[in-house]
């Protein structure tokens, strides 16, 4: 059996939660957050738009064909080293962006051909 070697790392899953219409410094908050992470030299991040959800205020937000209110949930996620997570959290604090976040220790790696190059 030929298996590609995989080097796993310990790191952090850093997730931020907001509404699709949330804004900071004149742009969507998810876009500002991705740009801030890129400026901090993080390896990458992704924004995911939910079809439905509710948050700390208990209001169910749901995408509807007839009425797109712009209040659907968005999650922006980064899988990074601990020091990168700390640096990005500090930047968000300094910018005074109001966001709910989670910070979870994880193990991550790359499988397949890319893992050997």
N, C-alpha and C. Protein backbone atom coordinates (compact mmCIF):
# COMPACT_ATOMS: atom_id res chain seq x y z
N UNK A 1 0.85 -1.18 0.00
CA UNK A 1 0.00 0.00 0.00
C UNK A 1 0.89 1.24 0.00
N UNK A 2 0.71 2.14 -0.95
CA UNK A 2 1.49 3.35 -1.06
C UNK A 2 0.70 4.51 -0.46
N UNK A 3 1.18 5.05 0.64
CA UNK A 3 0.48 6.14 1.31
C UNK A 3 1.37 7.36 1.33
N UNK A 4 0.81 8.50 1.02
CA UNK A 4 1.57 9.75 1.12
C UNK A 4 1.80 10.06 2.59
N UNK A 5 2.98 10.57 2.88
CA UNK A 5 3.22 10.95 4.27
C UNK A 5 2.47 12.23 4.59
N UNK A 6 2.03 12.32 5.80
CA UNK A 6 1.30 13.49 6.25
C UNK A 6 1.96 14.01 7.50
N UNK A 7 2.20 15.28 7.51
CA UNK A 7 2.71 15.92 8.71
C UNK A 7 1.56 16.70 9.32
N UNK A 8 1.12 16.28 10.48
CA UNK A 8 0.03 17.01 11.12
C UNK A 8 0.63 18.03 12.08
N UNK A 9 -0.12 19.06 12.28
CA UNK A 9 0.28 20.16 13.17
C UNK A 9 -0.83 20.43 14.16
N UNK A 10 -0.44 20.99 15.25
CA UNK A 10 -1.42 21.48 16.22
C UNK A 10 -1.61 22.96 15.96
N UNK A 11 -2.84 23.39 16.06
CA UNK A 11 -3.14 24.79 15.81
C UNK A 11 -4.47 25.18 16.41
N UNK A 12 -5.10 26.15 15.78
CA UNK A 12 -6.34 26.72 16.27
C UNK A 12 -7.33 26.91 15.13
N UNK A 13 -8.57 26.54 15.38
CA UNK A 13 -9.66 26.90 14.49
C UNK A 13 -10.29 28.16 15.09
N UNK A 14 -10.19 29.24 14.35
CA UNK A 14 -10.72 30.53 14.81
C UNK A 14 -11.90 30.87 13.91
N UNK A 15 -13.09 30.96 14.52
CA UNK A 15 -14.32 31.22 13.77
C UNK A 15 -14.99 32.48 14.29
N UNK A 16 -15.43 33.31 13.36
CA UNK A 16 -16.15 34.54 13.69
C UNK A 16 -17.55 34.46 13.09
N UNK A 17 -18.54 34.96 13.84
CA UNK A 17 -19.94 34.87 13.44
C UNK A 17 -20.51 36.28 13.29
N UNK A 18 -21.22 36.51 12.20
CA UNK A 18 -21.82 37.83 11.94
C UNK A 18 -22.99 37.66 10.98
N UNK A 19 -23.68 38.75 10.68
CA UNK A 19 -24.72 38.75 9.66
C UNK A 19 -24.10 39.20 8.35
N UNK A 20 -24.68 38.75 7.26
CA UNK A 20 -24.13 39.08 5.94
C UNK A 20 -24.12 40.59 5.69
N UNK A 21 -25.02 41.34 6.30
CA UNK A 21 -25.06 42.78 6.07
C UNK A 21 -24.27 43.59 7.11
N UNK A 22 -23.58 42.93 8.04
CA UNK A 22 -22.77 43.65 9.03
C UNK A 22 -21.62 44.36 8.30
N UNK A 23 -21.31 45.58 8.73
CA UNK A 23 -20.30 46.38 8.06
C UNK A 23 -19.30 46.94 9.06
N UNK A 24 -18.07 47.12 8.58
CA UNK A 24 -17.01 47.76 9.36
C UNK A 24 -16.12 48.54 8.39
N UNK A 25 -15.87 49.78 8.73
CA UNK A 25 -15.07 50.67 7.90
C UNK A 25 -15.57 50.72 6.45
N UNK A 26 -16.89 50.74 6.29
CA UNK A 26 -17.50 50.92 4.98
C UNK A 26 -17.57 49.69 4.10
N UNK A 27 -17.22 48.52 4.61
CA UNK A 27 -17.28 47.30 3.80
C UNK A 27 -17.90 46.19 4.62
N UNK A 28 -18.34 45.12 3.97
CA UNK A 28 -18.88 43.99 4.73
C UNK A 28 -17.85 43.50 5.75
N UNK A 29 -18.30 43.19 6.95
CA UNK A 29 -17.39 42.77 8.02
C UNK A 29 -16.61 41.53 7.64
N UNK A 30 -17.26 40.58 6.96
CA UNK A 30 -16.53 39.37 6.57
C UNK A 30 -15.38 39.72 5.62
N UNK A 31 -15.59 40.68 4.74
CA UNK A 31 -14.53 41.11 3.82
C UNK A 31 -13.41 41.82 4.58
N UNK A 32 -13.79 42.71 5.51
CA UNK A 32 -12.79 43.41 6.33
C UNK A 32 -11.95 42.39 7.10
N UNK A 33 -12.59 41.38 7.65
CA UNK A 33 -11.90 40.37 8.45
C UNK A 33 -10.92 39.56 7.60
N UNK A 34 -11.34 39.15 6.40
CA UNK A 34 -10.45 38.42 5.50
C UNK A 34 -9.25 39.29 5.10
N UNK A 35 -9.49 40.56 4.83
CA UNK A 35 -8.40 41.47 4.47
C UNK A 35 -7.45 41.69 5.65
N UNK A 36 -8.00 41.81 6.85
CA UNK A 36 -7.16 41.97 8.04
C UNK A 36 -6.29 40.75 8.24
N UNK A 37 -6.84 39.56 8.03
CA UNK A 37 -6.07 38.33 8.17
C UNK A 37 -4.96 38.26 7.12
N UNK A 38 -5.28 38.66 5.92
CA UNK A 38 -4.26 38.67 4.86
C UNK A 38 -3.15 39.66 5.21
N UNK A 39 -3.52 40.83 5.72
CA UNK A 39 -2.54 41.83 6.14
C UNK A 39 -1.64 41.31 7.26
N UNK A 40 -2.19 40.43 8.10
CA UNK A 40 -1.43 39.83 9.20
C UNK A 40 -0.64 38.59 8.75
N UNK A 41 -0.65 38.32 7.44
CA UNK A 41 0.10 37.22 6.83
C UNK A 41 -0.40 35.84 7.24
N UNK A 42 -1.69 35.71 7.55
CA UNK A 42 -2.27 34.39 7.80
C UNK A 42 -2.32 33.64 6.48
N UNK A 43 -2.24 32.32 6.54
CA UNK A 43 -2.16 31.49 5.33
C UNK A 43 -3.45 31.48 4.53
N UNK A 44 -4.59 31.74 5.15
CA UNK A 44 -5.85 31.74 4.42
C UNK A 44 -7.03 31.74 5.35
N UNK A 45 -8.19 31.98 4.79
CA UNK A 45 -9.44 31.98 5.54
C UNK A 45 -10.59 31.89 4.56
N UNK A 46 -11.75 31.53 5.05
CA UNK A 46 -12.93 31.39 4.20
C UNK A 46 -14.16 31.94 4.91
N UNK A 47 -15.06 32.50 4.11
CA UNK A 47 -16.35 32.98 4.62
C UNK A 47 -17.44 32.04 4.10
N UNK A 48 -18.33 31.64 4.99
CA UNK A 48 -19.42 30.72 4.66
C UNK A 48 -20.74 31.38 5.01
N UNK A 49 -21.65 31.42 4.06
CA UNK A 49 -22.97 32.00 4.29
C UNK A 49 -23.95 30.88 4.62
N UNK A 50 -24.65 31.02 5.71
CA UNK A 50 -25.62 30.01 6.14
C UNK A 50 -26.96 30.23 5.45
N UNK A 51 -27.74 29.18 5.36
CA UNK A 51 -29.09 29.32 4.81
C UNK A 51 -30.09 29.67 5.90
N UNK A 52 -29.73 29.39 7.17
CA UNK A 52 -30.60 29.73 8.29
C UNK A 52 -29.79 29.66 9.57
N UNK A 53 -30.26 30.35 10.61
CA UNK A 53 -29.61 30.28 11.91
C UNK A 53 -30.23 31.27 12.88
N UNK A 54 -29.87 31.13 14.15
CA UNK A 54 -30.27 32.12 15.14
C UNK A 54 -29.09 32.31 16.08
N UNK A 55 -29.05 33.47 16.70
CA UNK A 55 -27.92 33.81 17.55
C UNK A 55 -28.34 34.15 18.95
N UNK A 56 -27.51 34.94 19.60
CA UNK A 56 -27.70 35.25 21.02
C UNK A 56 -28.99 36.00 21.31
N UNK A 57 -29.59 36.63 20.29
CA UNK A 57 -30.85 37.35 20.51
C UNK A 57 -32.08 36.47 20.25
N UNK A 58 -31.84 35.23 19.79
CA UNK A 58 -32.92 34.27 19.61
C UNK A 58 -33.78 34.45 18.38
N UNK A 59 -33.41 35.35 17.48
CA UNK A 59 -34.20 35.61 16.28
C UNK A 59 -33.73 34.67 15.17
N UNK A 60 -34.66 33.89 14.62
CA UNK A 60 -34.33 32.98 13.53
C UNK A 60 -34.22 33.78 12.24
N UNK A 61 -33.06 33.66 11.58
CA UNK A 61 -32.84 34.33 10.30
C UNK A 61 -32.74 33.25 9.24
N UNK A 62 -33.46 33.46 8.15
CA UNK A 62 -33.52 32.44 7.13
C UNK A 62 -33.55 33.09 5.76
N UNK A 63 -32.78 32.53 4.83
CA UNK A 63 -32.80 33.02 3.47
C UNK A 63 -34.11 32.61 2.83
N UNK A 64 -34.73 33.54 2.16
CA UNK A 64 -36.00 33.27 1.50
C UNK A 64 -35.91 33.75 0.06
N UNK A 65 -36.51 33.00 -0.83
CA UNK A 65 -36.50 33.37 -2.24
C UNK A 65 -37.16 34.73 -2.46
N UNK A 66 -38.23 35.01 -1.73
CA UNK A 66 -39.01 36.22 -1.97
C UNK A 66 -38.48 37.43 -1.21
N UNK A 67 -37.82 37.20 -0.09
CA UNK A 67 -37.38 38.34 0.71
C UNK A 67 -35.97 38.07 1.24
N UNK A 68 -34.98 38.69 0.64
CA UNK A 68 -33.61 38.54 1.09
C UNK A 68 -33.29 39.73 2.00
N UNK A 69 -33.41 39.54 3.29
CA UNK A 69 -33.28 40.63 4.25
C UNK A 69 -31.83 40.99 4.54
N UNK A 70 -30.87 40.16 4.17
CA UNK A 70 -29.48 40.46 4.44
C UNK A 70 -29.05 40.17 5.87
N UNK A 71 -29.87 39.47 6.62
CA UNK A 71 -29.54 39.18 8.00
C UNK A 71 -29.14 37.72 8.20
N UNK A 72 -28.88 37.00 7.11
CA UNK A 72 -28.47 35.61 7.23
C UNK A 72 -27.09 35.55 7.90
N UNK A 73 -26.84 34.47 8.64
CA UNK A 73 -25.56 34.32 9.33
C UNK A 73 -24.41 34.06 8.35
N UNK A 74 -23.24 34.55 8.72
CA UNK A 74 -22.00 34.28 8.00
C UNK A 74 -20.97 33.84 9.03
N UNK A 75 -20.18 32.82 8.68
CA UNK A 75 -19.07 32.36 9.51
C UNK A 75 -17.79 32.57 8.71
N UNK A 76 -16.80 33.19 9.34
CA UNK A 76 -15.48 33.31 8.73
C UNK A 76 -14.54 32.45 9.56
N UNK A 77 -13.84 31.53 8.89
CA UNK A 77 -13.01 30.56 9.62
C UNK A 77 -11.56 30.61 9.15
N UNK A 78 -10.67 30.47 10.13
CA UNK A 78 -9.24 30.40 9.89
C UNK A 78 -8.70 29.18 10.63
N UNK A 79 -7.84 28.41 9.97
CA UNK A 79 -7.13 27.31 10.62
C UNK A 79 -5.67 27.73 10.63
N UNK A 80 -5.18 28.06 11.82
CA UNK A 80 -3.90 28.75 11.93
C UNK A 80 -3.10 28.28 13.14
N UNK A 81 -1.86 28.71 13.19
CA UNK A 81 -1.04 28.51 14.38
C UNK A 81 -1.58 29.40 15.49
N UNK A 82 -1.31 29.03 16.73
CA UNK A 82 -1.83 29.76 17.89
C UNK A 82 -1.41 31.23 17.88
N UNK A 83 -0.17 31.52 17.53
CA UNK A 83 0.27 32.92 17.54
C UNK A 83 -0.44 33.74 16.46
N UNK A 84 -0.77 33.13 15.32
CA UNK A 84 -1.54 33.83 14.30
C UNK A 84 -2.95 34.14 14.80
N UNK A 85 -3.57 33.20 15.49
CA UNK A 85 -4.91 33.41 16.05
C UNK A 85 -4.88 34.56 17.06
N UNK A 86 -3.88 34.57 17.92
CA UNK A 86 -3.77 35.64 18.92
C UNK A 86 -3.58 36.99 18.25
N UNK A 87 -2.77 37.03 17.20
CA UNK A 87 -2.52 38.30 16.50
C UNK A 87 -3.79 38.82 15.82
N UNK A 88 -4.55 37.93 15.19
CA UNK A 88 -5.79 38.36 14.53
C UNK A 88 -6.83 38.81 15.56
N UNK A 89 -6.96 38.08 16.65
CA UNK A 89 -7.90 38.50 17.70
C UNK A 89 -7.53 39.89 18.24
N UNK A 90 -6.25 40.14 18.42
CA UNK A 90 -5.82 41.45 18.90
C UNK A 90 -6.18 42.55 17.90
N UNK A 91 -6.00 42.27 16.63
CA UNK A 91 -6.35 43.26 15.59
C UNK A 91 -7.85 43.56 15.60
N UNK A 92 -8.68 42.53 15.77
CA UNK A 92 -10.13 42.73 15.83
C UNK A 92 -10.50 43.54 17.07
N UNK A 93 -9.87 43.24 18.21
CA UNK A 93 -10.12 44.02 19.44
C UNK A 93 -9.77 45.48 19.24
N UNK A 94 -8.59 45.73 18.67
CA UNK A 94 -8.14 47.11 18.46
C UNK A 94 -9.05 47.87 17.51
N UNK A 95 -9.63 47.18 16.53
CA UNK A 95 -10.55 47.81 15.58
C UNK A 95 -11.95 47.98 16.17
N UNK A 96 -12.18 47.41 17.35
CA UNK A 96 -13.45 47.46 18.06
C UNK A 96 -14.62 46.94 17.22
N UNK A 97 -14.35 45.82 16.52
CA UNK A 97 -15.40 45.15 15.75
C UNK A 97 -16.15 44.24 16.71
N UNK A 98 -17.47 44.38 16.75
CA UNK A 98 -18.27 43.53 17.63
C UNK A 98 -18.59 42.23 16.91
N UNK A 99 -17.94 41.14 17.37
CA UNK A 99 -18.11 39.83 16.75
C UNK A 99 -18.15 38.74 17.82
N UNK A 100 -18.94 37.73 17.59
CA UNK A 100 -18.88 36.52 18.39
C UNK A 100 -17.84 35.63 17.74
N UNK A 101 -17.01 34.96 18.56
CA UNK A 101 -15.99 34.08 17.99
C UNK A 101 -15.83 32.84 18.83
N UNK A 102 -15.25 31.81 18.21
CA UNK A 102 -14.82 30.62 18.93
C UNK A 102 -13.36 30.38 18.59
N UNK A 103 -12.66 29.80 19.53
CA UNK A 103 -11.23 29.50 19.37
C UNK A 103 -11.04 28.09 19.91
N UNK A 104 -10.76 27.14 19.00
CA UNK A 104 -10.72 25.73 19.35
C UNK A 104 -9.38 25.12 18.97
N UNK A 105 -8.72 24.43 19.92
CA UNK A 105 -7.49 23.73 19.57
C UNK A 105 -7.79 22.59 18.60
N UNK A 106 -6.96 22.45 17.57
CA UNK A 106 -7.17 21.41 16.56
C UNK A 106 -5.85 20.78 16.13
N UNK A 107 -5.97 19.69 15.43
CA UNK A 107 -4.84 19.10 14.71
C UNK A 107 -5.21 19.18 13.24
N UNK A 108 -4.26 19.61 12.40
CA UNK A 108 -4.56 19.73 10.99
C UNK A 108 -3.35 19.33 10.15
N UNK A 109 -3.61 19.05 8.90
CA UNK A 109 -2.55 18.66 7.98
C UNK A 109 -3.05 18.66 6.56
N UNK A 110 -2.18 18.24 5.64
CA UNK A 110 -2.53 18.13 4.23
C UNK A 110 -2.35 16.68 3.83
N UNK A 111 -3.33 16.12 3.16
CA UNK A 111 -3.27 14.73 2.68
C UNK A 111 -3.02 14.72 1.18
N UNK A 112 -2.49 13.64 0.67
CA UNK A 112 -2.31 13.48 -0.75
C UNK A 112 -1.00 14.02 -1.26
N UNK A 113 -0.94 14.25 -2.54
CA UNK A 113 0.30 14.64 -3.20
C UNK A 113 0.90 15.91 -2.64
N UNK A 114 0.07 16.90 -2.35
CA UNK A 114 0.57 18.18 -1.83
C UNK A 114 1.33 18.01 -0.52
N UNK A 115 1.03 16.96 0.21
CA UNK A 115 1.69 16.75 1.51
C UNK A 115 3.16 16.37 1.34
N UNK A 116 3.55 15.85 0.19
CA UNK A 116 4.92 15.40 -0.02
C UNK A 116 5.80 16.41 -0.72
N UNK A 117 5.23 17.53 -1.19
CA UNK A 117 6.03 18.51 -1.92
C UNK A 117 6.50 19.62 -1.03
